[in-house]
Amino acid sequence: MNGPPIPQRIPPLSWRKPAFLWTPLALGLAISWPLALFYGNPGSQRLAVTALFAVFGLSLMTLGARWALGKAPKMRSIVVSHIVSVALVVALLSPFALGQLLGGENAGQHVTFSMALSVLPLLLLVGLPIALISGVLFAWVALTRPKTANSDDLIITFQGDVQPFR
C-alpha cells in the first residue's frame, strides 16, 4: 500500500551557500556584537565573549547531533530557542567560573562562590537577551529556507483540500 508521498509543508532549514563563508561570518557577528555593548569595560567584554563562545560551541554540537539524527530544524525560531536554552544552562553554571573571568589572577582570588552566586540574577537578566539577539543574528545570517518549485503556489495547492464543517 504505497501511496503518493505526503507533501512536506515546511521544509527544513539549510546552511546558506557557501557555508564556509556564511557560517564563520554569522558566528563572528553573533559573538562579537557585545563588544560594542560593553565598550570601555574589558572585564564585561571578556565575560560576554567567553560565555557566547561556550553557548555557540555547545549549541552547534547539539544542533549538529540533532541534524545527524534527521531532525533538522524547520524554523529559525527553533534554532534561536535552542541557543537561548543552552545560554540559560551556561548562565546557571557561570558562578563556578565567574571569579577567574572577571578579574584575572589577582582579583579572582577575592571573589568567593557566594559572591559569584549573588550575581546570578544579573547574569540572567543581561545574558539571556544578549543570547536571544545573538541567536537571531546567527539564524538569519547562517541559515536559509530552501527554495522549492511549488513554494509560490502553496496556498493554491492546499486551497482545494479545505473541507467545510459538516
N, C-alpha and C. Protein backbone atom coordinates (compact mmCIF):
# COMPACT_ATOMS: atom_id res chain seq x y z
N MET A 1 0.83 -1.18 0.00
CA MET A 1 0.00 0.00 0.00
C MET A 1 0.87 1.24 0.00
N ASN A 2 1.63 1.40 -1.01
CA ASN A 2 2.45 2.60 -1.15
C ASN A 2 1.68 3.63 -1.95
N GLY A 3 1.23 4.65 -1.26
CA GLY A 3 0.51 5.73 -1.91
C GLY A 3 1.46 6.85 -2.25
N PRO A 4 0.91 7.93 -2.73
CA PRO A 4 1.77 9.07 -3.03
C PRO A 4 2.36 9.63 -1.73
N PRO A 5 3.55 10.18 -1.80
CA PRO A 5 4.17 10.71 -0.58
C PRO A 5 3.38 11.90 -0.03
N ILE A 6 3.43 12.01 1.28
CA ILE A 6 2.75 13.12 1.95
C ILE A 6 3.54 14.39 1.66
N PRO A 7 2.87 15.45 1.20
CA PRO A 7 3.63 16.67 0.89
C PRO A 7 4.22 17.27 2.17
N GLN A 8 5.40 17.79 2.02
CA GLN A 8 6.09 18.41 3.15
C GLN A 8 5.80 19.90 3.10
N ARG A 9 5.03 20.37 4.06
CA ARG A 9 4.60 21.76 4.03
C ARG A 9 5.69 22.73 4.46
N ILE A 10 6.47 22.35 5.45
CA ILE A 10 7.56 23.22 5.91
C ILE A 10 8.87 22.45 5.72
N PRO A 11 9.67 22.83 4.73
CA PRO A 11 10.95 22.13 4.53
C PRO A 11 11.94 22.53 5.62
N PRO A 12 12.88 21.65 5.95
CA PRO A 12 13.88 22.01 6.96
C PRO A 12 14.82 23.09 6.45
N LEU A 13 15.41 23.80 7.40
CA LEU A 13 16.37 24.84 7.06
C LEU A 13 17.65 24.22 6.51
N SER A 14 18.40 25.00 5.78
CA SER A 14 19.69 24.54 5.28
C SER A 14 20.70 25.67 5.50
N TRP A 15 21.98 25.32 5.40
CA TRP A 15 23.03 26.32 5.56
C TRP A 15 23.09 27.18 4.32
N ARG A 16 23.28 28.46 4.52
CA ARG A 16 23.42 29.39 3.39
C ARG A 16 24.68 29.05 2.62
N LYS A 17 24.58 29.03 1.31
CA LYS A 17 25.70 28.64 0.46
C LYS A 17 26.53 29.86 0.10
N PRO A 18 27.81 29.82 0.09
CA PRO A 18 28.71 28.78 0.54
C PRO A 18 28.85 28.82 2.06
N ALA A 19 28.70 27.66 2.68
CA ALA A 19 28.67 27.56 4.14
C ALA A 19 30.01 27.95 4.77
N PHE A 20 31.12 27.69 4.07
CA PHE A 20 32.42 28.04 4.64
C PHE A 20 32.61 29.54 4.74
N LEU A 21 31.79 30.33 4.06
CA LEU A 21 31.86 31.78 4.14
C LEU A 21 30.81 32.32 5.12
N TRP A 22 29.56 31.85 4.99
CA TRP A 22 28.46 32.41 5.77
C TRP A 22 28.45 31.98 7.23
N THR A 23 28.85 30.75 7.52
CA THR A 23 28.81 30.29 8.91
C THR A 23 29.82 31.02 9.79
N PRO A 24 31.09 31.16 9.39
CA PRO A 24 32.00 31.96 10.23
C PRO A 24 31.60 33.43 10.33
N LEU A 25 31.04 33.96 9.26
CA LEU A 25 30.56 35.34 9.30
C LEU A 25 29.43 35.49 10.31
N ALA A 26 28.50 34.53 10.30
CA ALA A 26 27.38 34.58 11.24
C ALA A 26 27.87 34.40 12.67
N LEU A 27 28.80 33.49 12.90
CA LEU A 27 29.35 33.30 14.24
C LEU A 27 30.12 34.54 14.70
N GLY A 28 30.88 35.12 13.80
CA GLY A 28 31.63 36.33 14.15
C GLY A 28 30.72 37.49 14.54
N LEU A 29 29.65 37.68 13.78
CA LEU A 29 28.71 38.75 14.11
C LEU A 29 27.97 38.46 15.42
N ALA A 30 27.54 37.22 15.59
CA ALA A 30 26.75 36.88 16.77
C ALA A 30 27.57 36.93 18.06
N ILE A 31 28.85 36.62 17.97
CA ILE A 31 29.68 36.59 19.17
C ILE A 31 30.33 37.95 19.46
N SER A 32 30.60 38.74 18.42
CA SER A 32 31.37 39.97 18.65
C SER A 32 30.52 41.21 18.89
N TRP A 33 29.23 41.19 18.64
CA TRP A 33 28.47 42.43 18.82
C TRP A 33 28.40 42.89 20.27
N PRO A 34 28.48 42.01 21.31
CA PRO A 34 28.50 42.55 22.69
C PRO A 34 29.75 43.35 23.02
N LEU A 35 30.80 43.26 22.19
CA LEU A 35 31.98 44.10 22.43
C LEU A 35 31.61 45.57 22.34
N ALA A 36 30.72 45.91 21.42
CA ALA A 36 30.26 47.30 21.32
C ALA A 36 29.29 47.66 22.45
N LEU A 37 28.56 46.66 22.94
CA LEU A 37 27.61 46.91 24.04
C LEU A 37 28.34 47.26 25.33
N PHE A 38 29.43 46.57 25.60
CA PHE A 38 30.22 46.81 26.82
C PHE A 38 31.48 47.59 26.50
N TYR A 39 31.38 48.61 25.69
CA TYR A 39 32.52 49.42 25.31
C TYR A 39 33.13 50.07 26.54
N GLY A 40 34.42 49.93 26.70
CA GLY A 40 35.11 50.56 27.82
C GLY A 40 35.17 49.71 29.08
N ASN A 41 34.60 48.52 29.07
CA ASN A 41 34.65 47.64 30.24
C ASN A 41 35.20 46.28 29.81
N PRO A 42 36.52 46.12 29.83
CA PRO A 42 37.11 44.89 29.31
C PRO A 42 36.71 43.63 30.09
N GLY A 43 36.42 43.75 31.37
CA GLY A 43 36.00 42.58 32.15
C GLY A 43 34.66 42.05 31.67
N SER A 44 33.72 42.95 31.44
CA SER A 44 32.41 42.52 30.93
C SER A 44 32.49 42.03 29.50
N GLN A 45 33.35 42.66 28.70
CA GLN A 45 33.55 42.18 27.33
C GLN A 45 34.09 40.76 27.32
N ARG A 46 35.09 40.51 28.16
CA ARG A 46 35.69 39.19 28.23
C ARG A 46 34.67 38.16 28.71
N LEU A 47 33.86 38.53 29.68
CA LEU A 47 32.83 37.63 30.20
C LEU A 47 31.78 37.31 29.14
N ALA A 48 31.30 38.33 28.42
CA ALA A 48 30.26 38.12 27.41
C ALA A 48 30.77 37.29 26.24
N VAL A 49 31.97 37.58 25.76
CA VAL A 49 32.52 36.84 24.61
C VAL A 49 32.82 35.40 25.00
N THR A 50 33.37 35.19 26.20
CA THR A 50 33.65 33.82 26.65
C THR A 50 32.37 33.02 26.82
N ALA A 51 31.34 33.65 27.39
CA ALA A 51 30.06 32.96 27.55
C ALA A 51 29.43 32.65 26.20
N LEU A 52 29.52 33.58 25.25
CA LEU A 52 28.94 33.31 23.93
C LEU A 52 29.72 32.24 23.17
N PHE A 53 31.03 32.18 23.35
CA PHE A 53 31.80 31.09 22.77
C PHE A 53 31.31 29.74 23.31
N ALA A 54 31.10 29.69 24.62
CA ALA A 54 30.61 28.44 25.22
C ALA A 54 29.21 28.11 24.74
N VAL A 55 28.35 29.12 24.66
CA VAL A 55 26.97 28.90 24.23
C VAL A 55 26.93 28.41 22.78
N PHE A 56 27.64 29.07 21.90
CA PHE A 56 27.58 28.66 20.50
C PHE A 56 28.32 27.35 20.26
N GLY A 57 29.37 27.08 21.01
CA GLY A 57 30.04 25.79 20.88
C GLY A 57 29.11 24.64 21.26
N LEU A 58 28.45 24.77 22.41
CA LEU A 58 27.53 23.72 22.85
C LEU A 58 26.29 23.66 21.95
N SER A 59 25.80 24.80 21.53
CA SER A 59 24.60 24.82 20.68
C SER A 59 24.87 24.18 19.33
N LEU A 60 26.01 24.47 18.73
CA LEU A 60 26.31 23.87 17.44
C LEU A 60 26.56 22.38 17.55
N MET A 61 27.11 21.93 18.67
CA MET A 61 27.29 20.49 18.85
C MET A 61 25.94 19.78 18.99
N THR A 62 25.04 20.33 19.78
CA THR A 62 23.74 19.67 19.96
C THR A 62 22.87 19.81 18.72
N LEU A 63 22.93 20.96 18.04
CA LEU A 63 22.18 21.09 16.79
C LEU A 63 22.73 20.15 15.73
N GLY A 64 24.05 19.98 15.68
CA GLY A 64 24.65 19.05 14.73
C GLY A 64 24.25 17.62 15.01
N ALA A 65 24.16 17.28 16.29
CA ALA A 65 23.72 15.92 16.65
C ALA A 65 22.27 15.70 16.23
N ARG A 66 21.42 16.69 16.44
CA ARG A 66 20.02 16.56 16.01
C ARG A 66 19.92 16.49 14.49
N TRP A 67 20.76 17.26 13.80
CA TRP A 67 20.77 17.24 12.33
C TRP A 67 21.19 15.86 11.84
N ALA A 68 22.18 15.27 12.51
CA ALA A 68 22.66 13.94 12.12
C ALA A 68 21.61 12.87 12.36
N LEU A 69 20.75 13.07 13.35
CA LEU A 69 19.67 12.12 13.62
C LEU A 69 18.48 12.31 12.70
N GLY A 70 18.55 13.30 11.80
CA GLY A 70 17.46 13.53 10.86
C GLY A 70 16.39 14.47 11.36
N LYS A 71 16.66 15.21 12.42
CA LYS A 71 15.69 16.15 12.99
C LYS A 71 16.16 17.58 12.77
N ALA A 72 16.32 17.94 11.51
CA ALA A 72 16.77 19.29 11.18
C ALA A 72 15.68 20.30 11.56
N PRO A 73 16.08 21.48 12.05
CA PRO A 73 15.07 22.48 12.41
C PRO A 73 14.36 23.00 11.17
N LYS A 74 13.07 23.28 11.32
CA LYS A 74 12.27 23.75 10.19
C LYS A 74 12.05 25.25 10.23
N MET A 75 12.30 25.86 11.38
CA MET A 75 12.13 27.31 11.51
C MET A 75 13.32 27.89 12.26
N ARG A 76 13.58 29.15 12.00
CA ARG A 76 14.70 29.82 12.69
C ARG A 76 14.41 29.98 14.17
N SER A 77 13.15 30.08 14.54
CA SER A 77 12.81 30.24 15.95
C SER A 77 13.21 29.01 16.77
N ILE A 78 13.23 27.84 16.14
CA ILE A 78 13.68 26.63 16.85
C ILE A 78 15.16 26.74 17.15
N VAL A 79 15.94 27.23 16.20
CA VAL A 79 17.38 27.41 16.41
C VAL A 79 17.62 28.45 17.50
N VAL A 80 16.88 29.55 17.47
CA VAL A 80 17.05 30.61 18.46
C VAL A 80 16.66 30.11 19.85
N SER A 81 15.56 29.37 19.96
CA SER A 81 15.16 28.85 21.27
C SER A 81 16.17 27.83 21.79
N HIS A 82 16.79 27.09 20.88
CA HIS A 82 17.83 26.15 21.28
C HIS A 82 19.04 26.89 21.82
N ILE A 83 19.43 27.96 21.17
CA ILE A 83 20.58 28.76 21.62
C ILE A 83 20.28 29.42 22.96
N VAL A 84 19.07 29.94 23.14
CA VAL A 84 18.71 30.59 24.40
C VAL A 84 18.64 29.57 25.54
N SER A 85 18.15 28.36 25.28
CA SER A 85 18.11 27.35 26.34
C SER A 85 19.52 26.91 26.75
N VAL A 86 20.43 26.80 25.79
CA VAL A 86 21.82 26.49 26.14
C VAL A 86 22.43 27.66 26.90
N ALA A 87 22.07 28.89 26.53
CA ALA A 87 22.57 30.07 27.25
C ALA A 87 22.07 30.08 28.69
N LEU A 88 20.85 29.62 28.91
CA LEU A 88 20.33 29.53 30.27
C LEU A 88 21.16 28.55 31.10
N VAL A 89 21.50 27.41 30.54
CA VAL A 89 22.33 26.44 31.25
C VAL A 89 23.72 27.01 31.52
N VAL A 90 24.30 27.68 30.54
CA VAL A 90 25.63 28.28 30.73
C VAL A 90 25.56 29.38 31.79
N ALA A 91 24.50 30.18 31.80
CA ALA A 91 24.37 31.24 32.81
C ALA A 91 24.20 30.65 34.21
N LEU A 92 23.48 29.54 34.32
CA LEU A 92 23.31 28.92 35.63
C LEU A 92 24.60 28.27 36.13
N LEU A 93 25.46 27.85 35.21
CA LEU A 93 26.73 27.26 35.60
C LEU A 93 27.87 28.28 35.70
N SER A 94 27.61 29.52 35.32
CA SER A 94 28.67 30.53 35.28
C SER A 94 29.24 30.94 36.64
N PRO A 95 28.52 30.86 37.75
CA PRO A 95 29.18 31.26 39.01
C PRO A 95 30.42 30.45 39.34
N PHE A 96 30.55 29.25 38.79
CA PHE A 96 31.73 28.45 39.05
C PHE A 96 32.98 29.04 38.41
N ALA A 97 32.81 29.76 37.28
CA ALA A 97 33.97 30.31 36.58
C ALA A 97 34.01 31.83 36.63
N LEU A 98 33.10 32.45 37.34
CA LEU A 98 32.98 33.91 37.31
C LEU A 98 34.18 34.62 37.92
N GLY A 99 34.74 34.09 38.96
CA GLY A 99 35.88 34.76 39.61
C GLY A 99 37.08 34.87 38.71
N GLN A 100 37.37 33.84 37.95
CA GLN A 100 38.51 33.88 37.07
C GLN A 100 38.27 34.76 35.86
N LEU A 101 37.04 34.86 35.39
CA LEU A 101 36.76 35.64 34.20
C LEU A 101 36.69 37.13 34.46
N LEU A 102 36.26 37.52 35.65
CA LEU A 102 36.05 38.95 35.91
C LEU A 102 37.34 39.73 36.13
N GLY A 103 38.28 39.14 36.82
CA GLY A 103 39.42 39.98 37.16
C GLY A 103 40.78 39.40 36.92
N GLY A 104 40.87 38.25 36.38
CA GLY A 104 42.19 37.67 36.19
C GLY A 104 42.66 36.94 37.43
N GLU A 105 43.96 36.82 37.56
CA GLU A 105 44.52 36.01 38.64
C GLU A 105 44.35 36.66 40.01
N ASN A 106 44.69 37.94 40.14
CA ASN A 106 44.66 38.59 41.46
C ASN A 106 43.25 38.81 41.97
N ALA A 107 42.36 39.31 41.14
CA ALA A 107 41.00 39.60 41.59
C ALA A 107 40.19 38.32 41.74
N GLY A 108 40.55 37.27 41.01
CA GLY A 108 39.81 36.02 41.10
C GLY A 108 39.94 35.36 42.45
N GLN A 109 41.02 35.66 43.17
CA GLN A 109 41.20 35.08 44.50
C GLN A 109 40.28 35.74 45.52
N HIS A 110 39.82 36.94 45.25
CA HIS A 110 38.98 37.66 46.20
C HIS A 110 37.49 37.45 45.96
N VAL A 111 37.12 36.87 44.83
CA VAL A 111 35.72 36.62 44.53
C VAL A 111 35.38 35.22 45.02
N THR A 112 34.48 35.14 46.00
CA THR A 112 34.09 33.84 46.53
C THR A 112 32.90 33.30 45.75
N PHE A 113 32.58 32.04 46.01
CA PHE A 113 31.47 31.41 45.30
C PHE A 113 30.13 32.06 45.66
N SER A 114 29.96 32.44 46.92
CA SER A 114 28.71 33.09 47.32
C SER A 114 28.58 34.48 46.69
N MET A 115 29.70 35.17 46.50
CA MET A 115 29.65 36.45 45.80
C MET A 115 29.27 36.25 44.33
N ALA A 116 29.84 35.23 43.72
CA ALA A 116 29.51 34.94 42.32
C ALA A 116 28.07 34.48 42.18
N LEU A 117 27.57 33.74 43.16
CA LEU A 117 26.19 33.27 43.11
C LEU A 117 25.20 34.43 43.28
N SER A 118 25.60 35.47 44.01
CA SER A 118 24.71 36.62 44.18
C SER A 118 24.54 37.43 42.90
N VAL A 119 25.46 37.26 41.94
CA VAL A 119 25.39 37.98 40.67
C VAL A 119 24.55 37.22 39.65
N LEU A 120 24.11 36.02 39.98
CA LEU A 120 23.38 35.17 39.04
C LEU A 120 22.11 35.83 38.48
N PRO A 121 21.27 36.51 39.26
CA PRO A 121 20.11 37.17 38.64
C PRO A 121 20.49 38.24 37.62
N LEU A 122 21.56 38.97 37.90
CA LEU A 122 22.04 39.97 36.93
C LEU A 122 22.55 39.30 35.67
N LEU A 123 23.26 38.17 35.83
CA LEU A 123 23.74 37.44 34.66
C LEU A 123 22.57 36.94 33.80
N LEU A 124 21.52 36.48 34.44
CA LEU A 124 20.35 36.03 33.68
C LEU A 124 19.64 37.21 33.01
N LEU A 125 19.54 38.32 33.72
CA LEU A 125 18.85 39.49 33.19
C LEU A 125 19.59 40.12 32.01
N VAL A 126 20.91 40.07 32.03
CA VAL A 126 21.70 40.64 30.94
C VAL A 126 22.06 39.58 29.89
N GLY A 127 22.37 38.37 30.35
CA GLY A 127 22.86 37.34 29.46
C GLY A 127 21.83 36.74 28.52
N LEU A 128 20.61 36.54 29.00
CA LEU A 128 19.60 35.92 28.13
C LEU A 128 19.16 36.83 26.97
N PRO A 129 18.98 38.14 27.17
CA PRO A 129 18.69 38.98 25.99
C PRO A 129 19.86 39.05 25.01
N ILE A 130 21.09 39.02 25.52
CA ILE A 130 22.25 39.00 24.62
C ILE A 130 22.25 37.71 23.82
N ALA A 131 21.94 36.58 24.46
CA ALA A 131 21.88 35.30 23.75
C ALA A 131 20.74 35.29 22.75
N LEU A 132 19.63 35.92 23.07
CA LEU A 132 18.50 36.00 22.14
C LEU A 132 18.87 36.78 20.89
N ILE A 133 19.47 37.93 21.06
CA ILE A 133 19.87 38.75 19.91
C ILE A 133 20.95 38.04 19.10
N SER A 134 21.90 37.42 19.79
CA SER A 134 22.95 36.68 19.08
C SER A 134 22.38 35.49 18.32
N GLY A 135 21.41 34.80 18.91
CA GLY A 135 20.78 33.66 18.23
C GLY A 135 20.01 34.08 17.01
N VAL A 136 19.27 35.19 17.11
CA VAL A 136 18.53 35.70 15.95
C VAL A 136 19.49 36.12 14.85
N LEU A 137 20.54 36.80 15.23
CA LEU A 137 21.54 37.23 14.25
C LEU A 137 22.19 36.03 13.55
N PHE A 138 22.54 35.02 14.32
CA PHE A 138 23.15 33.83 13.74
C PHE A 138 22.16 33.10 12.82
N ALA A 139 20.93 32.92 13.27
CA ALA A 139 19.96 32.16 12.48
C ALA A 139 19.63 32.87 11.16
N TRP A 140 19.55 34.19 11.16
CA TRP A 140 19.21 34.90 9.93
C TRP A 140 20.37 34.98 8.96
N VAL A 141 21.60 35.00 9.48
CA VAL A 141 22.75 35.10 8.57
C VAL A 141 23.18 33.73 8.06
N ALA A 142 23.19 32.71 8.92
CA ALA A 142 23.76 31.41 8.54
C ALA A 142 22.77 30.45 7.91
N LEU A 143 21.50 30.53 8.27
CA LEU A 143 20.53 29.54 7.81
C LEU A 143 19.54 30.15 6.84
N THR A 144 19.09 29.33 5.90
CA THR A 144 18.12 29.79 4.92
C THR A 144 17.11 28.70 4.65
N ARG A 145 15.97 29.10 4.22
CA ARG A 145 14.93 28.15 3.85
C ARG A 145 15.13 27.77 2.39
N PRO A 146 15.20 26.47 2.10
CA PRO A 146 15.42 26.07 0.70
C PRO A 146 14.24 26.44 -0.18
N LYS A 147 14.56 26.83 -1.39
CA LYS A 147 13.52 27.20 -2.35
C LYS A 147 12.98 25.93 -3.00
N THR A 148 11.67 25.79 -2.96
CA THR A 148 11.04 24.64 -3.61
C THR A 148 10.33 25.13 -4.86
N ALA A 149 10.06 24.21 -5.75
CA ALA A 149 9.45 24.57 -7.02
C ALA A 149 8.03 25.09 -6.84
N ASN A 150 7.32 24.55 -5.86
CA ASN A 150 5.92 24.94 -5.69
C ASN A 150 5.69 25.82 -4.47
N SER A 151 6.71 26.53 -4.00
CA SER A 151 6.52 27.36 -2.81
C SER A 151 5.65 28.58 -3.10
N ASP A 152 5.63 29.04 -4.35
CA ASP A 152 4.81 30.21 -4.68
C ASP A 152 3.33 29.86 -4.70
N ASP A 153 3.00 28.67 -5.14
CA ASP A 153 1.59 28.31 -5.23
C ASP A 153 1.19 27.37 -4.09
N LEU A 154 1.81 27.53 -2.91
CA LEU A 154 1.50 26.69 -1.77
C LEU A 154 0.06 26.87 -1.32
N ILE A 155 -0.42 28.10 -1.32
CA ILE A 155 -1.80 28.36 -0.90
C ILE A 155 -2.77 27.78 -1.92
N ILE A 156 -2.45 27.92 -3.18
CA ILE A 156 -3.33 27.40 -4.22
C ILE A 156 -3.38 25.87 -4.15
N THR A 157 -2.23 25.23 -3.85
CA THR A 157 -2.16 23.78 -3.77
C THR A 157 -3.06 23.24 -2.67
N PHE A 158 -3.05 23.86 -1.51
CA PHE A 158 -3.81 23.35 -0.39
C PHE A 158 -5.19 23.97 -0.27
N GLN A 159 -5.53 24.87 -1.17
CA GLN A 159 -6.84 25.52 -1.10
C GLN A 159 -7.95 24.51 -1.41
N GLY A 160 -7.72 23.57 -2.31
CA GLY A 160 -8.75 22.59 -2.64
C GLY A 160 -8.90 21.51 -1.57
N ASP A 161 -7.94 21.43 -0.62
CA ASP A 161 -8.03 20.42 0.43
C ASP A 161 -8.91 20.83 1.59
N VAL A 162 -9.32 22.08 1.65
CA VAL A 162 -10.10 22.58 2.77
C VAL A 162 -11.54 22.09 2.63
N GLN A 163 -12.04 21.46 3.68
CA GLN A 163 -13.40 20.96 3.70
C GLN A 163 -14.24 21.76 4.68
N PRO A 164 -15.45 22.11 4.31
CA PRO A 164 -16.31 22.86 5.24
C PRO A 164 -16.79 21.94 6.37
N PHE A 165 -17.30 22.58 7.42
CA PHE A 165 -17.85 21.78 8.54
C PHE A 165 -19.07 21.03 8.05
N ARG A 166 -19.24 19.82 8.53
CA ARG A 166 -20.41 19.03 8.12
C ARG A 166 -21.29 18.76 9.29
